[in-house]
Protein backbone atom coordinates (compact mmCIF):
# COMPACT_ATOMS: atom_id res chain seq x y z
CA UNK A 1 22.89 -37.95 -10.93
CA UNK A 2 25.19 -35.20 -12.69
CA UNK A 3 25.97 -31.87 -10.60
CA UNK A 4 23.66 -29.64 -13.29
CA UNK A 5 20.42 -31.67 -12.16
CA UNK A 6 21.05 -31.04 -8.29
CA UNK A 7 19.73 -28.42 -6.47
CA UNK A 8 22.51 -26.50 -4.90
CA UNK A 9 21.57 -24.75 -1.35
CA UNK A 10 23.55 -21.69 -2.01
CA UNK A 11 21.87 -21.10 -5.27
CA UNK A 12 18.41 -20.81 -3.54
CA UNK A 13 16.84 -17.84 -2.35
CA UNK A 14 16.89 -17.15 1.36
CA UNK A 15 13.28 -17.41 3.06
CA UNK A 16 11.59 -14.27 3.75
CA UNK A 17 11.42 -13.68 7.30
CA UNK A 18 8.42 -11.27 8.77
CA UNK A 19 9.93 -8.71 10.82
CA UNK A 20 7.07 -6.70 12.52
CA UNK A 21 7.09 -3.03 13.05
CA UNK A 22 9.17 -1.64 16.08
CA UNK A 23 8.02 1.88 16.32
CA UNK A 24 4.88 3.71 15.84
CA UNK A 25 6.51 5.41 12.57
CA UNK A 26 7.08 1.55 11.47
CA UNK A 27 3.59 0.67 12.15
CA UNK A 28 1.86 4.11 10.28
CA UNK A 29 4.25 2.94 7.35
CA UNK A 30 3.50 -0.37 7.06
CA UNK A 31 -0.34 0.20 7.32
CA UNK A 32 0.08 2.90 4.74
CA UNK A 33 2.27 0.50 2.24
CA UNK A 34 -0.11 -2.26 3.16
CA UNK A 35 -3.20 -0.16 2.00
CA UNK A 36 -2.09 1.14 -1.23
CA UNK A 37 0.19 -2.09 -2.16
CA UNK A 38 -3.04 -4.57 -1.24
CA UNK A 39 -0.85 -6.63 1.03
CA UNK A 40 -2.11 -8.13 4.10
CA UNK A 41 0.66 -7.49 6.25
CA UNK A 42 4.29 -5.84 5.45
CA UNK A 43 7.49 -6.16 7.50
CA UNK A 44 9.48 -3.60 8.20
CA UNK A 45 12.46 -5.47 5.92
CA UNK A 46 10.13 -6.48 2.96
CA UNK A 47 11.20 -4.73 -0.32
CA UNK A 48 9.13 -2.10 -2.14
CA UNK A 49 9.55 -3.35 -5.38
CA UNK A 50 9.29 -7.31 -4.32
CA UNK A 51 5.97 -5.99 -2.88
CA UNK A 52 4.69 -4.97 -6.37
CA UNK A 53 5.66 -1.24 -5.65
CA UNK A 54 6.10 1.07 -8.85
CA UNK A 55 6.21 4.62 -9.49
CA UNK A 56 2.60 5.23 -9.46
CA UNK A 57 2.06 3.44 -6.19
CA UNK A 58 4.63 5.57 -5.06
CA UNK A 59 3.11 8.91 -5.69
CA UNK A 60 0.16 7.65 -3.43
CA UNK A 61 2.10 6.36 -0.80
CA UNK A 62 3.98 9.74 -0.68
CA UNK A 63 0.74 11.65 -0.40
CA UNK A 64 -0.75 9.35 1.96
CA UNK A 65 2.80 9.88 4.27
CA UNK A 66 2.23 13.69 3.76
CA UNK A 67 -1.26 13.52 5.23
CA UNK A 68 0.07 10.98 8.08
CA UNK A 69 2.97 13.12 8.94
CA UNK A 70 2.69 16.48 7.83
CA UNK A 71 5.55 16.08 5.25
CA UNK A 72 6.51 15.90 1.67
CA UNK A 73 8.93 13.14 0.52
CA UNK A 74 10.43 13.36 -3.07
CA UNK A 75 8.90 10.54 -5.34
CA UNK A 76 12.31 9.22 -6.08
CA UNK A 77 12.59 8.12 -2.23
CA UNK A 78 11.92 4.66 -3.25
CA UNK A 79 14.96 4.24 -5.66
CA UNK A 80 17.08 5.20 -2.65
CA UNK A 81 15.24 3.33 0.31
CA UNK A 82 13.14 0.22 -0.12
CA UNK A 83 12.03 -0.98 3.08
CA UNK A 84 10.23 0.47 6.03
CA UNK A 85 12.91 -0.21 8.24
CA UNK A 86 15.13 2.42 6.11
CA UNK A 87 12.31 4.87 5.38
CA UNK A 88 11.13 5.20 8.98
CA UNK A 89 14.21 7.17 10.41
CA UNK A 90 13.95 9.58 7.00
CA UNK A 91 10.36 10.27 8.27
CA UNK A 92 11.28 10.39 11.96
CA UNK A 93 14.07 13.21 11.04
CA UNK A 94 11.95 15.01 8.72
CA UNK A 95 8.86 14.89 11.21
CA UNK A 96 11.52 16.70 13.56
CA UNK A 97 12.86 19.14 11.15
CA UNK A 98 11.59 22.86 10.68
CA UNK A 99 8.51 23.28 8.40
CA UNK A 100 9.62 23.88 4.61
CA UNK A 101 12.99 22.25 4.73
CA UNK A 102 11.47 19.22 3.21
CA UNK A 103 10.34 19.30 -0.85
CA UNK A 104 8.80 16.94 -3.15
CA UNK A 105 10.76 18.34 -6.07
CA UNK A 106 13.84 16.02 -5.56
CA UNK A 107 14.90 13.15 -7.58
């Protein structure tokens, strides 16, 4: 057998590991993402694009986050953060910020 016909372990993708939500915010976000993306369960480290998310899903998710948390996120948020683990602290900080300090007009 030649080297070309062998599967090299370092070239294989890492197995996905489900990490359940650890906070109330992560749990609420996971529920929103799961409903919009039609996925049974979403771990906090699952990537938005890997789950099939796109700009249309982002708009719906941002609307649902606004309803659930009372904050407006920019539609481009998913270009900056792609996991619930990364998004939850942003949501938490905005829910503690004075009203009117967030806007969807950003990238």
